[in-house]
Amino acid sequence: HHVSRAPHATVRVRTGIGMDTRKDVYQGKRNYVGNDSGDTATLRNDR
């Protein structure tokens, strides 16, 4: 939500709770989202 990135900049998506900054956004979860044995992450655009 309301995130834009400068050219070649990175945003880190953290699992827990925190205040969003220019470099870090927080999912607000109280449990892990990744699978310890391996995982696949999929990035989709607004469409």
ModelCIF file with pLDDT and N, C-alpha, C, O atoms, coordinates in Angstrom:
data_MODEL
#
_entry.id   MODEL 
#
_entity.id                         1 
_entity.type                       polymer 
_entity.pdbx_number_of_molecules   1 
#
_entity_poly.entity_id                      1 
_entity_poly.type                           'polypeptide(L)' 
_entity_poly.nstd_linkage                   no 
_entity_poly.nstd_monomer                   no 
_entity_poly.pdbx_seq_one_letter_code       HHVSRAPHATVRVRTGIGMDTRKDVYQGKRNYVGNDSGDTATLRNDR 
_entity_poly.pdbx_seq_one_letter_code_can   HHVSRAPHATVRVRTGIGMDTRKDVYQGKRNYVGNDSGDTATLRNDR 
_entity_poly.pdbx_strand_id                 A 
#
loop_
_entity_poly_seq.entity_id 
_entity_poly_seq.num 
_entity_poly_seq.mon_id 
_entity_poly_seq.hetero 
1 1  HIS n 
1 2  HIS n 
1 3  VAL n 
1 4  SER n 
1 5  ARG n 
1 6  ALA n 
1 7  PRO n 
1 8  HIS n 
1 9  ALA n 
1 10 THR n 
1 11 VAL n 
1 12 ARG n 
1 13 VAL n 
1 14 ARG n 
1 15 THR n 
1 16 GLY n 
1 17 ILE n 
1 18 GLY n 
1 19 MET n 
1 20 ASP n 
1 21 THR n 
1 22 ARG n 
1 23 LYS n 
1 24 ASP n 
1 25 VAL n 
1 26 TYR n 
1 27 GLN n 
1 28 GLY n 
1 29 LYS n 
1 30 ARG n 
1 31 ASN n 
1 32 TYR n 
1 33 VAL n 
1 34 GLY n 
1 35 ASN n 
1 36 ASP n 
1 37 SER n 
1 38 GLY n 
1 39 ASP n 
1 40 THR n 
1 41 ALA n 
1 42 THR n 
1 43 LEU n 
1 44 ARG n 
1 45 ASN n 
1 46 ASP n 
1 47 ARG n 
#
_struct_asym.id          A 
_struct_asym.entity_id   1 
#
loop_
_ma_qa_metric.id 
_ma_qa_metric.mode 
_ma_qa_metric.name 
_ma_qa_metric.software_group_id 
_ma_qa_metric.type 
1 global pLDDT . pLDDT 
2 local  pLDDT . pLDDT 
#
_ma_qa_metric_global.metric_id      1 
_ma_qa_metric_global.metric_value   88.23 
_ma_qa_metric_global.model_id       1 
_ma_qa_metric_global.ordinal_id     1 
#
loop_
_ma_qa_metric_local.label_asym_id 
_ma_qa_metric_local.label_comp_id 
_ma_qa_metric_local.label_seq_id 
_ma_qa_metric_local.metric_id 
_ma_qa_metric_local.metric_value 
_ma_qa_metric_local.model_id 
_ma_qa_metric_local.ordinal_id 
A HIS 1  2 90.00 1 1  
A HIS 2  2 84.00 1 2  
A VAL 3  2 85.00 1 3  
A SER 4  2 80.00 1 4  
A ARG 5  2 80.00 1 5  
A ALA 6  2 87.00 1 6  
A PRO 7  2 87.00 1 7  
A HIS 8  2 87.00 1 8  
A ALA 9  2 91.00 1 9  
A THR 10 2 92.00 1 10 
A VAL 11 2 92.00 1 11 
A ARG 12 2 93.00 1 12 
A VAL 13 2 93.00 1 13 
A ARG 14 2 93.00 1 14 
A THR 15 2 91.00 1 15 
A GLY 16 2 93.00 1 16 
A ILE 17 2 96.00 1 17 
A GLY 18 2 96.00 1 18 
A MET 19 2 96.00 1 19 
A ASP 20 2 93.00 1 20 
A THR 21 2 92.00 1 21 
A ARG 22 2 89.00 1 22 
A LYS 23 2 93.00 1 23 
A ASP 24 2 95.00 1 24 
A VAL 25 2 95.00 1 25 
A TYR 26 2 95.00 1 26 
A GLN 27 2 93.00 1 27 
A GLY 28 2 94.00 1 28 
A LYS 29 2 92.00 1 29 
A ARG 30 2 90.00 1 30 
A ASN 31 2 88.00 1 31 
A TYR 32 2 84.00 1 32 
A VAL 33 2 82.00 1 33 
A GLY 34 2 74.00 1 34 
A ASN 35 2 70.00 1 35 
A ASP 36 2 69.00 1 36 
A SER 37 2 69.00 1 37 
A GLY 38 2 72.00 1 38 
A ASP 39 2 77.00 1 39 
A THR 40 2 85.00 1 40 
A ALA 41 2 88.00 1 41 
A THR 42 2 92.00 1 42 
A LEU 43 2 93.00 1 43 
A ARG 44 2 95.00 1 44 
A ASN 45 2 93.00 1 45 
A ASP 46 2 94.00 1 46 
A ARG 47 2 95.00 1 47 
#
loop_
_atom_site.group_PDB 
_atom_site.id 
_atom_site.type_symbol 
_atom_site.label_atom_id 
_atom_site.label_alt_id 
_atom_site.label_comp_id 
_atom_site.label_asym_id 
_atom_site.label_entity_id 
_atom_site.label_seq_id 
_atom_site.pdbx_PDB_ins_code 
_atom_site.Cartn_x 
_atom_site.Cartn_y 
_atom_site.Cartn_z 
_atom_site.occupancy 
_atom_site.B_iso_or_equiv 
_atom_site.pdbx_formal_charge 
_atom_site.auth_seq_id 
_atom_site.auth_comp_id 
_atom_site.auth_asym_id 
_atom_site.auth_atom_id 
_atom_site.pdbx_PDB_model_num 
ATOM 1   N N  . HIS A 1 1  ? 0.849  -1.188  0.000   1.00 90.00 ? 1  HIS A N  1 
ATOM 2   C CA . HIS A 1 1  ? 0.000  0.000   0.000   1.00 90.00 ? 1  HIS A CA 1 
ATOM 3   C C  . HIS A 1 1  ? 0.882  1.234   0.000   1.00 90.00 ? 1  HIS A C  1 
ATOM 4   O O  . HIS A 1 1  ? 1.726  1.403   0.880   1.00 90.00 ? 1  HIS A O  1 
ATOM 5   N N  . HIS A 1 2  ? 0.687  2.090   -0.982  1.00 84.00 ? 2  HIS A N  1 
ATOM 6   C CA . HIS A 1 2  ? 1.367  3.387   -1.050  1.00 84.00 ? 2  HIS A CA 1 
ATOM 7   C C  . HIS A 1 2  ? 2.886  3.252   -0.954  1.00 84.00 ? 2  HIS A C  1 
ATOM 8   O O  . HIS A 1 2  ? 3.539  3.998   -0.224  1.00 84.00 ? 2  HIS A O  1 
ATOM 9   N N  . VAL A 1 3  ? 3.438  2.302   -1.691  1.00 85.00 ? 3  VAL A N  1 
ATOM 10  C CA . VAL A 1 3  ? 4.882  2.094   -1.707  1.00 85.00 ? 3  VAL A CA 1 
ATOM 11  C C  . VAL A 1 3  ? 5.382  2.343   -3.120  1.00 85.00 ? 3  VAL A C  1 
ATOM 12  O O  . VAL A 1 3  ? 4.813  1.820   -4.078  1.00 85.00 ? 3  VAL A O  1 
ATOM 13  N N  . SER A 1 4  ? 6.433  3.129   -3.262  1.00 80.00 ? 4  SER A N  1 
ATOM 14  C CA . SER A 1 4  ? 7.108  3.270   -4.549  1.00 80.00 ? 4  SER A CA 1 
ATOM 15  C C  . SER A 1 4  ? 8.597  3.121   -4.295  1.00 80.00 ? 4  SER A C  1 
ATOM 16  O O  . SER A 1 4  ? 9.076  3.411   -3.198  1.00 80.00 ? 4  SER A O  1 
ATOM 17  N N  . ARG A 1 5  ? 9.311  2.683   -5.277  1.00 80.00 ? 5  ARG A N  1 
ATOM 18  C CA . ARG A 1 5  ? 10.743 2.442   -5.146  1.00 80.00 ? 5  ARG A CA 1 
ATOM 19  C C  . ARG A 1 5  ? 11.488 3.239   -6.185  1.00 80.00 ? 5  ARG A C  1 
ATOM 20  O O  . ARG A 1 5  ? 11.111 3.261   -7.357  1.00 80.00 ? 5  ARG A O  1 
ATOM 21  N N  . ALA A 1 6  ? 12.539 3.888   -5.760  1.00 87.00 ? 6  ALA A N  1 
ATOM 22  C CA . ALA A 1 6  ? 13.422 4.581   -6.688  1.00 87.00 ? 6  ALA A CA 1 
ATOM 23  C C  . ALA A 1 6  ? 14.118 3.536   -7.571  1.00 87.00 ? 6  ALA A C  1 
ATOM 24  O O  . ALA A 1 6  ? 14.168 2.361   -7.205  1.00 87.00 ? 6  ALA A O  1 
ATOM 25  N N  . PRO A 1 7  ? 14.648 3.944   -8.714  1.00 87.00 ? 7  PRO A N  1 
ATOM 26  C CA . PRO A 1 7  ? 15.376 2.989   -9.546  1.00 87.00 ? 7  PRO A CA 1 
ATOM 27  C C  . PRO A 1 7  ? 16.458 2.254   -8.755  1.00 87.00 ? 7  PRO A C  1 
ATOM 28  O O  . PRO A 1 7  ? 17.252 2.880   -8.052  1.00 87.00 ? 7  PRO A O  1 
ATOM 29  N N  . HIS A 1 8  ? 16.487 0.948   -8.868  1.00 87.00 ? 8  HIS A N  1 
ATOM 30  C CA . HIS A 1 8  ? 17.468 0.055   -8.252  1.00 87.00 ? 8  HIS A CA 1 
ATOM 31  C C  . HIS A 1 8  ? 17.407 0.023   -6.721  1.00 87.00 ? 8  HIS A C  1 
ATOM 32  O O  . HIS A 1 8  ? 18.352 -0.434  -6.078  1.00 87.00 ? 8  HIS A O  1 
ATOM 33  N N  . ALA A 1 9  ? 16.319 0.496   -6.139  1.00 91.00 ? 9  ALA A N  1 
ATOM 34  C CA . ALA A 1 9  ? 16.150 0.471   -4.681  1.00 91.00 ? 9  ALA A CA 1 
ATOM 35  C C  . ALA A 1 9  ? 15.401 -0.797  -4.265  1.00 91.00 ? 9  ALA A C  1 
ATOM 36  O O  . ALA A 1 9  ? 14.691 -1.400  -5.070  1.00 91.00 ? 9  ALA A O  1 
ATOM 37  N N  . THR A 1 10 ? 15.566 -1.188  -3.015  1.00 92.00 ? 10 THR A N  1 
ATOM 38  C CA . THR A 1 10 ? 14.981 -2.414  -2.484  1.00 92.00 ? 10 THR A CA 1 
ATOM 39  C C  . THR A 1 10 ? 14.081 -2.100  -1.299  1.00 92.00 ? 10 THR A C  1 
ATOM 40  O O  . THR A 1 10 ? 14.391 -1.226  -0.490  1.00 92.00 ? 10 THR A O  1 
ATOM 41  N N  . VAL A 1 11 ? 12.979 -2.807  -1.202  1.00 92.00 ? 11 VAL A N  1 
ATOM 42  C CA . VAL A 1 11 ? 12.132 -2.742  -0.017  1.00 92.00 ? 11 VAL A CA 1 
ATOM 43  C C  . VAL A 1 11 ? 12.139 -4.137  0.611   1.00 92.00 ? 11 VAL A C  1 
ATOM 44  O O  . VAL A 1 11 ? 11.996 -5.142  -0.085  1.00 92.00 ? 11 VAL A O  1 
ATOM 45  N N  . ARG A 1 12 ? 12.306 -4.184  1.920   1.00 93.00 ? 12 ARG A N  1 
ATOM 46  C CA . ARG A 1 12 ? 12.348 -5.450  2.656   1.00 93.00 ? 12 ARG A CA 1 
ATOM 47  C C  . ARG A 1 12 ? 10.977 -5.664  3.303   1.00 93.00 ? 12 ARG A C  1 
ATOM 48  O O  . ARG A 1 12 ? 10.486 -4.808  4.039   1.00 93.00 ? 12 ARG A O  1 
ATOM 49  N N  . VAL A 1 13 ? 10.373 -6.814  3.019   1.00 93.00 ? 13 VAL A N  1 
ATOM 50  C CA . VAL A 1 13 ? 9.059  -7.163  3.562   1.00 93.00 ? 13 VAL A CA 1 
ATOM 51  C C  . VAL A 1 13 ? 9.297  -8.091  4.747   1.00 93.00 ? 13 VAL A C  1 
ATOM 52  O O  . VAL A 1 13 ? 9.665  -9.253  4.575   1.00 93.00 ? 13 VAL A O  1 
ATOM 53  N N  . ARG A 1 14 ? 9.082  -7.563  5.957   1.00 93.00 ? 14 ARG A N  1 
ATOM 54  C CA . ARG A 1 14 ? 9.320  -8.325  7.189   1.00 93.00 ? 14 ARG A CA 1 
ATOM 55  C C  . ARG A 1 14 ? 8.014  -8.938  7.671   1.00 93.00 ? 14 ARG A C  1 
ATOM 56  O O  . ARG A 1 14 ? 6.937  -8.382  7.453   1.00 93.00 ? 14 ARG A O  1 
ATOM 57  N N  . THR A 1 15 ? 8.118  -10.084 8.325   1.00 91.00 ? 15 THR A N  1 
ATOM 58  C CA . THR A 1 15 ? 6.936  -10.830 8.750   1.00 91.00 ? 15 THR A CA 1 
ATOM 59  C C  . THR A 1 15 ? 6.228  -10.211 9.944   1.00 91.00 ? 15 THR A C  1 
ATOM 60  O O  . THR A 1 15 ? 4.998  -10.155 9.956   1.00 91.00 ? 15 THR A O  1 
ATOM 61  N N  . GLY A 1 16 ? 6.947  -9.755  10.928  1.00 93.00 ? 16 GLY A N  1 
ATOM 62  C CA . GLY A 1 16 ? 6.358  -9.320  12.199  1.00 93.00 ? 16 GLY A CA 1 
ATOM 63  C C  . GLY A 1 16 ? 5.726  -7.942  12.174  1.00 93.00 ? 16 GLY A C  1 
ATOM 64  O O  . GLY A 1 16 ? 5.284  -7.451  11.135  1.00 93.00 ? 16 GLY A O  1 
ATOM 65  N N  . ILE A 1 17 ? 5.696  -7.341  13.341  1.00 96.00 ? 17 ILE A N  1 
ATOM 66  C CA . ILE A 1 17 ? 5.048  -6.049  13.550  1.00 96.00 ? 17 ILE A CA 1 
ATOM 67  C C  . ILE A 1 17 ? 6.105  -4.959  13.642  1.00 96.00 ? 17 ILE A C  1 
ATOM 68  O O  . ILE A 1 17 ? 7.157  -5.163  14.247  1.00 96.00 ? 17 ILE A O  1 
ATOM 69  N N  . GLY A 1 18 ? 5.833  -3.801  13.043  1.00 96.00 ? 18 GLY A N  1 
ATOM 70  C CA . GLY A 1 18 ? 6.744  -2.673  13.098  1.00 96.00 ? 18 GLY A CA 1 
ATOM 71  C C  . GLY A 1 18 ? 6.162  -1.492  12.354  1.00 96.00 ? 18 GLY A C  1 
ATOM 72  O O  . GLY A 1 18 ? 5.073  -1.576  11.787  1.00 96.00 ? 18 GLY A O  1 
ATOM 73  N N  . MET A 1 19 ? 6.889  -0.399  12.360  1.00 96.00 ? 19 MET A N  1 
ATOM 74  C CA . MET A 1 19 ? 6.474  0.810   11.643  1.00 96.00 ? 19 MET A CA 1 
ATOM 75  C C  . MET A 1 19 ? 7.113  0.793   10.255  1.00 96.00 ? 19 MET A C  1 
ATOM 76  O O  . MET A 1 19 ? 8.331  0.680   10.121  1.00 96.00 ? 19 MET A O  1 
ATOM 77  N N  . ASP A 1 20 ? 6.275  0.907   9.227   1.00 93.00 ? 20 ASP A N  1 
ATOM 78  C CA . ASP A 1 20 ? 6.790  0.939   7.861   1.00 93.00 ? 20 ASP A CA 1 
ATOM 79  C C  . ASP A 1 20 ? 7.711  2.136   7.665   1.00 93.00 ? 20 ASP A C  1 
ATOM 80  O O  . ASP A 1 20 ? 7.451  3.229   8.168   1.00 93.00 ? 20 ASP A O  1 
ATOM 81  N N  . THR A 1 21 ? 8.795  1.908   6.923   1.00 92.00 ? 21 THR A N  1 
ATOM 82  C CA . THR A 1 21 ? 9.731  2.966   6.570   1.00 92.00 ? 21 THR A CA 1 
ATOM 83  C C  . THR A 1 21 ? 9.949  2.921   5.061   1.00 92.00 ? 21 THR A C  1 
ATOM 84  O O  . THR A 1 21 ? 9.291  2.149   4.363   1.00 92.00 ? 21 THR A O  1 
ATOM 85  N N  . ARG A 1 22 ? 10.856 3.731   4.558   1.00 89.00 ? 22 ARG A N  1 
ATOM 86  C CA . ARG A 1 22 ? 11.166 3.707   3.124   1.00 89.00 ? 22 ARG A CA 1 
ATOM 87  C C  . ARG A 1 22 ? 11.824 2.389   2.729   1.00 89.00 ? 22 ARG A C  1 
ATOM 88  O O  . ARG A 1 22 ? 11.687 1.948   1.588   1.00 89.00 ? 22 ARG A O  1 
ATOM 89  N N  . LYS A 1 23 ? 12.533 1.759   3.654   1.00 93.00 ? 23 LYS A N  1 
ATOM 90  C CA . LYS A 1 23 ? 13.279 0.543   3.333   1.00 93.00 ? 23 LYS A CA 1 
ATOM 91  C C  . LYS A 1 23 ? 12.634 -0.740  3.835   1.00 93.00 ? 23 LYS A C  1 
ATOM 92  O O  . LYS A 1 23 ? 12.933 -1.817  3.319   1.00 93.00 ? 23 LYS A O  1 
ATOM 93  N N  . ASP A 1 24 ? 11.760 -0.651  4.825   1.00 95.00 ? 24 ASP A N  1 
ATOM 94  C CA . ASP A 1 24 ? 11.153 -1.840  5.428   1.00 95.00 ? 24 ASP A CA 1 
ATOM 95  C C  . ASP A 1 24 ? 9.644  -1.667  5.548   1.00 95.00 ? 24 ASP A C  1 
ATOM 96  O O  . ASP A 1 24 ? 9.159  -0.611  5.952   1.00 95.00 ? 24 ASP A O  1 
ATOM 97  N N  . VAL A 1 25 ? 8.904  -2.724  5.190   1.00 95.00 ? 25 VAL A N  1 
ATOM 98  C CA . VAL A 1 25 ? 7.463  -2.766  5.452   1.00 95.00 ? 25 VAL A CA 1 
ATOM 99  C C  . VAL A 1 25 ? 7.190  -4.025  6.264   1.00 95.00 ? 25 VAL A C  1 
ATOM 100 O O  . VAL A 1 25 ? 7.924  -5.007  6.162   1.00 95.00 ? 25 VAL A O  1 
ATOM 101 N N  . TYR A 1 26 ? 6.144  -3.993  7.062   1.00 95.00 ? 26 TYR A N  1 
ATOM 102 C CA . TYR A 1 26 ? 5.853  -5.069  8.003   1.00 95.00 ? 26 TYR A CA 1 
ATOM 103 C C  . TYR A 1 26 ? 4.483  -5.682  7.717   1.00 95.00 ? 26 TYR A C  1 
ATOM 104 O O  . TYR A 1 26 ? 3.505  -4.977  7.468   1.00 95.00 ? 26 TYR A O  1 
ATOM 105 N N  . GLN A 1 27 ? 4.440  -7.017  7.761   1.00 93.00 ? 27 GLN A N  1 
ATOM 106 C CA . GLN A 1 27 ? 3.191  -7.723  7.482   1.00 93.00 ? 27 GLN A CA 1 
ATOM 107 C C  . GLN A 1 27 ? 2.257  -7.766  8.690   1.00 93.00 ? 27 GLN A C  1 
ATOM 108 O O  . GLN A 1 27 ? 1.056  -7.982  8.533   1.00 93.00 ? 27 GLN A O  1 
ATOM 109 N N  . GLY A 1 28 ? 2.794  -7.564  9.887   1.00 94.00 ? 28 GLY A N  1 
ATOM 110 C CA . GLY A 1 28 ? 1.963  -7.572  11.082  1.00 94.00 ? 28 GLY A CA 1 
ATOM 111 C C  . GLY A 1 28 ? 1.517  -8.960  11.508  1.00 94.00 ? 28 GLY A C  1 
ATOM 112 O O  . GLY A 1 28 ? 0.495  -9.105  12.180  1.00 94.00 ? 28 GLY A O  1 
ATOM 113 N N  . LYS A 1 29 ? 2.277  -9.989  11.123  1.00 92.00 ? 29 LYS A N  1 
ATOM 114 C CA . LYS A 1 29 ? 1.926  -11.373 11.462  1.00 92.00 ? 29 LYS A CA 1 
ATOM 115 C C  . LYS A 1 29 ? 2.483  -11.743 12.830  1.00 92.00 ? 29 LYS A C  1 
ATOM 116 O O  . LYS A 1 29 ? 3.472  -11.173 13.292  1.00 92.00 ? 29 LYS A O  1 
ATOM 117 N N  . ARG A 1 30 ? 1.837  -12.694 13.457  1.00 90.00 ? 30 ARG A N  1 
ATOM 118 C CA . ARG A 1 30 ? 2.295  -13.225 14.745  1.00 90.00 ? 30 ARG A CA 1 
ATOM 119 C C  . ARG A 1 30 ? 2.765  -14.670 14.604  1.00 90.00 ? 30 ARG A C  1 
ATOM 120 O O  . ARG A 1 30 ? 2.982  -15.371 15.593  1.00 90.00 ? 30 ARG A O  1 
ATOM 121 N N  . ASN A 1 31 ? 2.918  -15.099 13.346  1.00 88.00 ? 31 ASN A N  1 
ATOM 122 C CA . ASN A 1 31 ? 3.442  -16.427 13.051  1.00 88.00 ? 31 ASN A CA 1 
ATOM 123 C C  . ASN A 1 31 ? 4.266  -16.331 11.771  1.00 88.00 ? 31 ASN A C  1 
ATOM 124 O O  . ASN A 1 31 ? 4.099  -15.387 10.998  1.00 88.00 ? 31 ASN A O  1 
ATOM 125 N N  . TYR A 1 32 ? 5.141  -17.286 11.541  1.00 84.00 ? 32 TYR A N  1 
ATOM 126 C CA . TYR A 1 32 ? 6.017  -17.276 10.373  1.00 84.00 ? 32 TYR A CA 1 
ATOM 127 C C  . TYR A 1 32 ? 5.209  -17.519 9.105   1.00 84.00 ? 32 TYR A C  1 
ATOM 128 O O  . TYR A 1 32 ? 4.247  -18.286 9.114   1.00 84.00 ? 32 TYR A O  1 
ATOM 129 N N  . VAL A 1 33 ? 5.598  -16.866 8.015   1.00 82.00 ? 33 VAL A N  1 
ATOM 130 C CA . VAL A 1 33 ? 4.903  -17.043 6.741   1.00 82.00 ? 33 VAL A CA 1 
ATOM 131 C C  . VAL A 1 33 ? 5.654  -17.978 5.805   1.00 82.00 ? 33 VAL A C  1 
ATOM 132 O O  . VAL A 1 33 ? 5.056  -18.568 4.906   1.00 82.00 ? 33 VAL A O  1 
ATOM 133 N N  . GLY A 1 34 ? 6.959  -18.119 6.009   1.00 74.00 ? 34 GLY A N  1 
ATOM 134 C CA . GLY A 1 34 ? 7.762  -18.992 5.163   1.00 74.00 ? 34 GLY A CA 1 
ATOM 135 C C  . GLY A 1 34 ? 7.756  -20.418 5.656   1.00 74.00 ? 34 GLY A C  1 
ATOM 136 O O  . GLY A 1 34 ? 7.475  -20.683 6.825   1.00 74.00 ? 34 GLY A O  1 
ATOM 137 N N  . ASN A 1 35 ? 8.065  -21.325 4.767   1.00 70.00 ? 35 ASN A N  1 
ATOM 138 C CA . ASN A 1 35 ? 8.146  -22.738 5.087   1.00 70.00 ? 35 ASN A CA 1 
ATOM 139 C C  . ASN A 1 35 ? 9.617  -23.081 5.300   1.00 70.00 ? 35 ASN A C  1 
ATOM 140 O O  . ASN A 1 35 ? 10.433 -22.857 4.407   1.00 70.00 ? 35 ASN A O  1 
ATOM 141 N N  . ASP A 1 36 ? 9.971  -23.621 6.468   1.00 69.00 ? 36 ASP A N  1 
ATOM 142 C CA . ASP A 1 36 ? 11.377 -23.882 6.800   1.00 69.00 ? 36 ASP A CA 1 
ATOM 143 C C  . ASP A 1 36 ? 12.070 -24.850 5.850   1.00 69.00 ? 36 ASP A C  1 
ATOM 144 O O  . ASP A 1 36 ? 13.294 -24.814 5.726   1.00 69.00 ? 36 ASP A O  1 
ATOM 145 N N  . SER A 1 37 ? 11.320 -25.709 5.181   1.00 69.00 ? 37 SER A N  1 
ATOM 146 C CA . SER A 1 37 ? 11.950 -26.684 4.284   1.00 69.00 ? 37 SER A CA 1 
ATOM 147 C C  . SER A 1 37 ? 12.195 -26.112 2.892   1.00 69.00 ? 37 SER A C  1 
ATOM 148 O O  . SER A 1 37 ? 12.801 -26.776 2.050   1.00 69.00 ? 37 SER A O  1 
ATOM 149 N N  . GLY A 1 38 ? 11.737 -24.903 2.643   1.00 72.00 ? 38 GLY A N  1 
ATOM 150 C CA . GLY A 1 38 ? 11.878 -24.270 1.335   1.00 72.00 ? 38 GLY A CA 1 
ATOM 151 C C  . GLY A 1 38 ? 10.569 -23.600 0.983   1.00 72.00 ? 38 GLY A C  1 
ATOM 152 O O  . GLY A 1 38 ? 9.522  -23.964 1.518   1.00 72.00 ? 38 GLY A O  1 
ATOM 153 N N  . ASP A 1 39 ? 10.612 -22.638 0.104   1.00 77.00 ? 39 ASP A N  1 
ATOM 154 C CA . ASP A 1 39 ? 9.396  -21.893 -0.193  1.00 77.00 ? 39 ASP A CA 1 
ATOM 155 C C  . ASP A 1 39 ? 9.475  -21.277 -1.577  1.00 77.00 ? 39 ASP A C  1 
ATOM 156 O O  . ASP A 1 39 ? 10.548 -21.166 -2.170  1.00 77.00 ? 39 ASP A O  1 
ATOM 157 N N  . THR A 1 40 ? 8.316  -20.879 -2.078  1.00 85.00 ? 40 THR A N  1 
ATOM 158 C CA . THR A 1 40 ? 8.221  -20.121 -3.313  1.00 85.00 ? 40 THR A CA 1 
ATOM 159 C C  . THR A 1 40 ? 7.470  -18.841 -3.004  1.00 85.00 ? 40 THR A C  1 
ATOM 160 O O  . THR A 1 40 ? 6.425  -18.864 -2.354  1.00 85.00 ? 40 THR A O  1 
ATOM 161 N N  . ALA A 1 41 ? 8.001  -17.733 -3.470  1.00 88.00 ? 41 ALA A N  1 
ATOM 162 C CA . ALA A 1 41 ? 7.341  -16.441 -3.324  1.00 88.00 ? 41 ALA A CA 1 
ATOM 163 C C  . ALA A 1 41 ? 6.971  -15.955 -4.720  1.00 88.00 ? 41 ALA A C  1 
ATOM 164 O O  . ALA A 1 41 ? 7.756  -16.074 -5.661  1.00 88.00 ? 41 ALA A O  1 
ATOM 165 N N  . THR A 1 42 ? 5.770  -15.411 -4.837  1.00 92.00 ? 42 THR A N  1 
ATOM 166 C CA . THR A 1 42 ? 5.280  -14.924 -6.125  1.00 92.00 ? 42 THR A CA 1 
ATOM 167 C C  . THR A 1 42 ? 4.918  -13.453 -5.992  1.00 92.00 ? 42 THR A C  1 
ATOM 168 O O  . THR A 1 42 ? 4.151  -13.067 -5.110  1.00 92.00 ? 42 THR A O  1 
ATOM 169 N N  . LEU A 1 43 ? 5.476  -12.640 -6.876  1.00 93.00 ? 43 LEU A N  1 
ATOM 170 C CA . LEU A 1 43 ? 5.191  -11.216 -6.920  1.00 93.00 ? 43 LEU A CA 1 
ATOM 171 C C  . LEU A 1 43 ? 4.220  -10.972 -8.065  1.00 93.00 ? 43 LEU A C  1 
ATOM 172 O O  . LEU A 1 43 ? 4.488  -11.342 -9.209  1.00 93.00 ? 43 LEU A O  1 
ATOM 173 N N  . ARG A 1 44 ? 3.077  -10.337 -7.746  1.00 95.00 ? 44 ARG A N  1 
ATOM 174 C CA . ARG A 1 44 ? 2.071  -10.013 -8.760  1.00 95.00 ? 44 ARG A CA 1 
ATOM 175 C C  . ARG A 1 44 ? 1.850  -8.506  -8.790  1.00 95.00 ? 44 ARG A C  1 
ATOM 176 O O  . ARG A 1 44 ? 1.917  -7.831  -7.762  1.00 95.00 ? 44 ARG A O  1 
ATOM 177 N N  . ASN A 1 45 ? 1.581  -7.987  -10.003 1.00 93.00 ? 45 ASN A N  1 
ATOM 178 C CA . ASN A 1 45 ? 1.315  -6.559  -10.113 1.00 93.00 ? 45 ASN A CA 1 
ATOM 179 C C  . ASN A 1 45 ? -0.131 -6.265  -9.723  1.00 93.00 ? 45 ASN A C  1 
ATOM 180 O O  . ASN A 1 45 ? -0.869 -7.167  -9.325  1.00 93.00 ? 45 ASN A O  1 
ATOM 181 N N  . ASP A 1 46 ? -0.529 -5.008  -9.840  1.00 94.00 ? 46 ASP A N  1 
ATOM 182 C CA . ASP A 1 46 ? -1.863 -4.605  -9.408  1.00 94.00 ? 46 ASP A CA 1 
ATOM 183 C C  . ASP A 1 46 ? -2.975 -5.176  -10.282 1.00 94.00 ? 46 ASP A C  1 
ATOM 184 O O  . ASP A 1 46 ? -4.150 -5.049  -9.937  1.00 94.00 ? 46 ASP A O  1 
ATOM 185 N N  . ARG A 1 47 ? -2.635 -5.790  -11.386 1.00 95.00 ? 47 ARG A N  1 
ATOM 186 C CA . ARG A 1 47 ? -3.625 -6.449  -12.249 1.00 95.00 ? 47 ARG A CA 1 
ATOM 187 C C  . ARG A 1 47 ? -3.671 -7.954  -12.003 1.00 95.00 ? 47 ARG A C  1 
ATOM 188 O O  . ARG A 1 47 ? -4.449 -8.661  -12.644 1.00 95.00 ? 47 ARG A O  1 
#
